[in-house]
Amino acid sequence: MSRSGKSATAESALEQVLISRFGVLGKVSKPFLLRSDNGLVFCSRSYTALVRNYGLQQEFITPYSPEQNGIVERVIRTLKEQCVHRHRFETIQHASRVIADWIRFFITPKDPTRRWA
């Protein structure tokens, strides 16, 4: 979550995800594909260089075709409708806490026998 659309914020978020997933920063042992829209942040030289440095691949959807990223677009829409638009956040920390709680609820399998990969 960010108040600005700066590539440094996206770079930091990517690194946090890599640490969370792999425990360390560095070239990933099992490369994966990052799919995004054509926003300036994801097309910036610094972000694309960081992606390459970690051994990841980038894929961009066709401009003006959000349906190509349908699952993510739907999750963001649901997040806004069910969480963001229903709160008046006092601070960025408050927003982060409420949104994180919603995400945890949203992604927790309702079937206790189901496991996420």
Protein backbone atom coordinates (compact mmCIF):
# COMPACT_ATOMS: atom_id res chain seq x y z
CA MET A 1 0.00 0.00 0.00
CA SER A 2 1.33 3.37 -0.94
CA ARG A 3 0.27 6.98 -1.11
CA SER A 4 2.36 7.45 -4.23
CA GLY A 5 2.95 5.50 -7.39
CA LYS A 6 6.72 5.32 -7.13
CA SER A 7 8.77 2.44 -8.42
CA ALA A 8 10.79 2.37 -5.18
CA THR A 9 7.62 1.33 -3.34
CA ALA A 10 6.94 -1.49 -5.80
CA GLU A 11 10.59 -2.56 -5.59
CA SER A 12 10.40 -2.69 -1.80
CA ALA A 13 7.15 -4.68 -1.95
CA LEU A 14 8.72 -7.16 -4.38
CA GLU A 15 11.70 -7.63 -2.09
CA GLN A 16 9.43 -8.15 0.93
CA VAL A 17 7.55 -10.86 -1.00
CA LEU A 18 10.79 -12.56 -2.00
CA ILE A 19 12.03 -12.55 1.60
CA SER A 20 8.69 -13.89 2.80
CA ARG A 21 8.63 -16.63 0.17
CA PHE A 22 12.30 -17.64 0.04
CA GLY A 23 13.73 -16.34 3.32
CA VAL A 24 16.53 -14.36 1.64
CA LEU A 25 17.17 -11.90 -1.13
CA GLY A 26 19.12 -12.92 -4.19
CA LYS A 27 18.54 -14.78 -7.41
CA VAL A 28 15.57 -17.07 -6.84
CA SER A 29 16.12 -20.81 -7.10
CA LYS A 30 12.75 -21.37 -8.76
CA PRO A 31 12.00 -18.43 -11.10
CA PHE A 32 8.42 -17.36 -11.60
CA LEU A 33 6.52 -14.96 -13.83
CA LEU A 34 5.35 -11.53 -12.67
CA ARG A 35 2.30 -10.46 -14.65
CA SER A 36 1.13 -6.87 -14.44
CA ASP A 37 -0.54 -4.06 -16.26
CA ASN A 38 1.53 -1.50 -18.14
CA GLY A 39 1.68 1.01 -15.30
CA LEU A 40 4.69 3.30 -15.20
CA VAL A 41 5.88 1.69 -11.96
CA PHE A 42 6.13 -1.80 -13.50
CA CYS A 43 7.74 -0.50 -16.70
CA SER A 44 10.34 1.68 -14.99
CA ARG A 45 14.00 0.91 -15.61
CA SER A 46 14.75 0.40 -11.94
CA TYR A 47 11.84 -2.04 -11.38
CA THR A 48 12.52 -4.08 -14.52
CA ALA A 49 16.23 -4.23 -13.65
CA LEU A 50 15.39 -5.47 -10.16
CA VAL A 51 13.11 -8.15 -11.58
CA ARG A 52 15.90 -9.33 -13.92
CA ASN A 53 18.49 -9.25 -11.11
CA TYR A 54 16.39 -11.66 -9.07
CA GLY A 55 16.04 -14.00 -12.05
CA LEU A 56 12.33 -13.38 -12.51
CA GLN A 57 10.43 -12.86 -15.73
CA GLN A 58 8.00 -10.05 -16.44
CA GLU A 59 4.88 -10.27 -18.55
CA PHE A 60 2.59 -7.37 -19.35
CA ILE A 61 -1.08 -7.61 -20.25
CA THR A 62 -2.25 -6.01 -23.48
CA PRO A 63 -2.93 -2.31 -22.86
CA TYR A 64 -6.56 -1.55 -21.99
CA SER A 65 -7.35 -5.25 -21.44
CA PRO A 66 -7.87 -5.66 -17.68
CA GLU A 67 -9.73 -8.93 -18.31
CA GLN A 68 -6.32 -10.49 -19.04
CA ASN A 69 -5.53 -9.97 -15.37
CA GLY A 70 -9.05 -10.84 -14.28
CA ILE A 71 -8.35 -12.62 -11.00
CA VAL A 72 -6.20 -9.80 -9.63
CA GLU A 73 -8.59 -7.12 -10.91
CA ARG A 74 -11.48 -8.92 -9.18
CA VAL A 75 -9.61 -9.28 -5.88
CA ILE A 76 -8.77 -5.57 -5.91
CA ARG A 77 -12.38 -4.66 -6.71
CA THR A 78 -13.66 -6.90 -3.90
CA LEU A 79 -11.08 -5.46 -1.48
CA LYS A 80 -12.28 -1.95 -2.29
CA GLU A 81 -15.99 -2.80 -2.06
CA GLN A 82 -15.85 -4.95 1.08
CA CYS A 83 -13.11 -3.18 3.00
CA VAL A 84 -11.57 0.06 1.78
CA HIS A 85 -14.79 1.93 0.93
CA ARG A 86 -16.38 0.91 4.24
CA HIS A 87 -13.74 2.50 6.46
CA ARG A 88 -12.51 5.96 7.21
CA PHE A 89 -8.85 5.37 7.88
CA GLU A 90 -7.13 7.62 10.40
CA THR A 91 -3.56 6.83 9.33
CA ILE A 92 -1.70 4.71 6.81
CA GLN A 93 -0.92 2.29 9.68
CA HIS A 94 -4.62 1.97 10.47
CA ALA A 95 -5.37 1.27 6.81
CA SER A 96 -2.55 -1.28 6.62
CA ARG A 97 -3.84 -3.12 9.69
CA VAL A 98 -7.49 -3.23 8.54
CA ILE A 99 -6.58 -4.27 4.99
CA ALA A 100 -4.15 -6.94 6.24
CA ASP A 101 -6.90 -8.37 8.47
CA TRP A 102 -9.31 -8.44 5.52
CA ILE A 103 -6.74 -10.14 3.29
CA ARG A 104 -6.05 -12.80 5.94
CA PHE A 105 -9.79 -13.46 6.20
CA PHE A 106 -10.25 -13.45 2.42
CA ILE A 107 -7.44 -15.91 1.65
CA THR A 108 -8.03 -18.28 4.56
CA PRO A 109 -9.55 -21.45 3.12
CA LYS A 110 -13.08 -22.00 4.41
CA ASP A 111 -12.50 -25.74 4.17
CA PRO A 112 -9.97 -26.65 6.92
CA THR A 113 -8.71 -29.62 4.87
CA ARG A 114 -7.74 -27.40 1.92
CA ARG A 115 -4.16 -26.20 1.78
CA TRP A 116 -2.65 -23.42 -0.31
CA ALA A 117 0.46 -24.17 -2.36
